[in-house]
Structure formats: structure tokens, C-alpha cells
Amino acid sequence: MFRKGMEKDCRAIYDLICDMEKKELPQGAFEKIYLRQLQRKDTHRFYSKEGMHNFHYKFSKRLIGEDSDRNVLGR
């Protein structure tokens, strides 16, 4: 089961990322950025303005029925 990240998830996500990176990140800065990203206002515009391109491919499976023409993963 998937759900959107919430404010209460910050510590668990921080711990997971530190574990993956094999180092401790600055927790205060991480929390500030995480909470700001939960608002997700103008995010894509920001990255485009910074010269970044969306080259990601997304493989996903329909989670709302085999005959559906859309995917709700991450919504």
C-alpha cells in the first residue's frame, strides 16, 4: 500500500536516506527541506528554471483495476 508522505514521516525518511547514503546528514536542514517539499508548490517550474530536464522513465502497474486507462500510483 502506498500513500503520500506526511510530516510525521520525516524522521523515518531521514533515517532511511542516511542508511542508504551510509552517512548522517544534517537533520535540521533535511527536516526544513522535507517539510517545504511537502507543499510541492512550483516544484517542476523550479527545476526547469535551474536547467534540469525530466528524463525519468516511470514503470508502473495499474492499481485500480486491469481495465483502467490511468494509474493512481503516487496520488
C-alpha atoms as a PDB file:
ATOM      1  CA  MET A   1       0.000   0.000   0.000  1.00  0.00           C
ATOM      2  CA  PHE A   2       1.265   3.466  -0.915  1.00  0.00           C
ATOM      3  CA  ARG A   3       0.348   6.863   0.436  1.00  0.00           C
ATOM      4  CA  LYS A   4       1.644  10.388   0.202  1.00  0.00           C
ATOM      5  CA  GLY A   5       4.417  11.291   2.593  1.00  0.00           C
ATOM      6  CA  MET A   6       3.329  13.273   5.612  1.00  0.00           C
ATOM      7  CA  GLU A   7       5.010  15.497   8.175  1.00  0.00           C
ATOM      8  CA  LYS A   8       5.108  12.642  10.712  1.00  0.00           C
ATOM      9  CA  ASP A   9       7.198  10.572   8.241  1.00  0.00           C
ATOM     10  CA  CYS A  10      10.142  12.968   8.294  1.00  0.00           C
ATOM     11  CA  ARG A  11      12.283  11.080  10.837  1.00  0.00           C
ATOM     12  CA  ALA A  12      11.720   7.677   9.214  1.00  0.00           C
ATOM     13  CA  ILE A  13      12.584   9.039   5.770  1.00  0.00           C
ATOM     14  CA  TYR A  14      15.618  10.824   7.178  1.00  0.00           C
ATOM     15  CA  ASP A  15      16.835   7.584   8.777  1.00  0.00           C
ATOM     16  CA  LEU A  16      16.245   5.648   5.550  1.00  0.00           C
ATOM     17  CA  ILE A  17      18.177   8.127   3.420  1.00  0.00           C
ATOM     18  CA  CYS A  18      21.055   8.269   5.917  1.00  0.00           C
ATOM     19  CA  ASP A  19      21.182   4.477   5.848  1.00  0.00           C
ATOM     20  CA  MET A  20      21.225   4.417   2.044  1.00  0.00           C
ATOM     21  CA  GLU A  21      23.933   7.103   1.880  1.00  0.00           C
ATOM     22  CA  LYS A  22      25.933   5.434   4.678  1.00  0.00           C
ATOM     23  CA  LYS A  23      26.379   8.788   6.414  1.00  0.00           C
ATOM     24  CA  GLU A  24      24.496  11.096   8.709  1.00  0.00           C
ATOM     25  CA  LEU A  25      23.010  14.126   7.008  1.00  0.00           C
ATOM     26  CA  PRO A  26      22.333  17.417   8.803  1.00  0.00           C
ATOM     27  CA  GLN A  27      18.950  16.636  10.364  1.00  0.00           C
ATOM     28  CA  GLY A  28      17.767  20.228  10.791  1.00  0.00           C
ATOM     29  CA  ALA A  29      18.416  21.110   7.153  1.00  0.00           C
ATOM     30  CA  PHE A  30      16.851  17.825   5.998  1.00  0.00           C
ATOM     31  CA  GLU A  31      13.695  18.491   8.007  1.00  0.00           C
ATOM     32  CA  LYS A  32      13.385  22.032   6.672  1.00  0.00           C
ATOM     33  CA  ILE A  33      13.716  20.846   3.056  1.00  0.00           C
ATOM     34  CA  TYR A  34      11.406  17.855   3.577  1.00  0.00           C
ATOM     35  CA  LEU A  35       8.634  19.970   5.075  1.00  0.00           C
ATOM     36  CA  ARG A  36       8.988  22.555   2.309  1.00  0.00           C
ATOM     37  CA  GLN A  37       8.770  19.825  -0.345  1.00  0.00           C
ATOM     38  CA  LEU A  38       5.544  18.514   1.135  1.00  0.00           C
ATOM     39  CA  GLN A  39       3.953  21.743  -0.067  1.00  0.00           C
ATOM     40  CA  ARG A  40       5.246  20.857  -3.718  1.00  0.00           C
ATOM     41  CA  LYS A  41       4.377  24.469  -4.937  1.00  0.00           C
ATOM     42  CA  ASP A  42       6.011  25.311  -8.273  1.00  0.00           C
ATOM     43  CA  THR A  43       8.429  22.394  -7.935  1.00  0.00           C
ATOM     44  CA  HIS A  44       8.619  21.466 -11.607  1.00  0.00           C
ATOM     45  CA  ARG A  45       8.965  25.101 -12.612  1.00  0.00           C
ATOM     46  CA  PHE A  46      11.853  25.470 -10.158  1.00  0.00           C
ATOM     47  CA  TYR A  47      13.754  22.512 -11.607  1.00  0.00           C
ATOM     48  CA  SER A  48      13.160  23.688 -15.177  1.00  0.00           C
ATOM     49  CA  LYS A  49      14.380  27.167 -14.254  1.00  0.00           C
ATOM     50  CA  GLU A  50      17.546  25.588 -12.835  1.00  0.00           C
ATOM     51  CA  GLY A  51      18.219  23.980 -16.232  1.00  0.00           C
ATOM     52  CA  MET A  52      17.202  20.452 -15.234  1.00  0.00           C
ATOM     53  CA  HIS A  53      15.364  18.162 -17.638  1.00  0.00           C
ATOM     54  CA  ASN A  54      12.832  15.439 -16.890  1.00  0.00           C
ATOM     55  CA  PHE A  55      14.441  12.322 -18.386  1.00  0.00           C
ATOM     56  CA  HIS A  56      12.905   9.822 -15.973  1.00  0.00           C
ATOM     57  CA  TYR A  57      11.025   6.804 -17.175  1.00  0.00           C
ATOM     58  CA  LYS A  58       8.278   5.556 -14.929  1.00  0.00           C
ATOM     59  CA  PHE A  59       7.328   1.909 -14.902  1.00  0.00           C
ATOM     60  CA  SER A  60       4.152   1.327 -13.002  1.00  0.00           C
ATOM     61  CA  LYS A  61       1.294  -1.083 -12.629  1.00  0.00           C
ATOM     62  CA  ARG A  62      -2.354  -0.164 -12.582  1.00  0.00           C
ATOM     63  CA  LEU A  63      -3.577  -0.258  -9.018  1.00  0.00           C
ATOM     64  CA  ILE A  64      -7.246   0.461  -9.658  1.00  0.00           C
ATOM     65  CA  GLY A  65      -8.188  -2.406 -11.980  1.00  0.00           C
ATOM     66  CA  GLU A  66      -6.840  -4.045 -15.118  1.00  0.00           C
ATOM     67  CA  ASP A  67      -9.288  -2.272 -17.437  1.00  0.00           C
ATOM     68  CA  SER A  68      -8.417   1.225 -16.207  1.00  0.00           C
ATOM     69  CA  ASP A  69      -6.763   3.651 -18.612  1.00  0.00           C
ATOM     70  CA  ARG A  70      -4.960   5.516 -15.837  1.00  0.00           C
ATOM     71  CA  ASN A  71      -2.601   4.852 -12.948  1.00  0.00           C
ATOM     72  CA  VAL A  72      -3.041   6.276  -9.470  1.00  0.00           C
ATOM     73  CA  LEU A  73       0.402   5.393  -8.148  1.00  0.00           C
ATOM     74  CA  GLY A  74       1.753   8.301  -6.122  1.00  0.00           C
ATOM     75  CA  ARG A  75      -1.553  10.177  -5.974  1.00  0.00           C
END
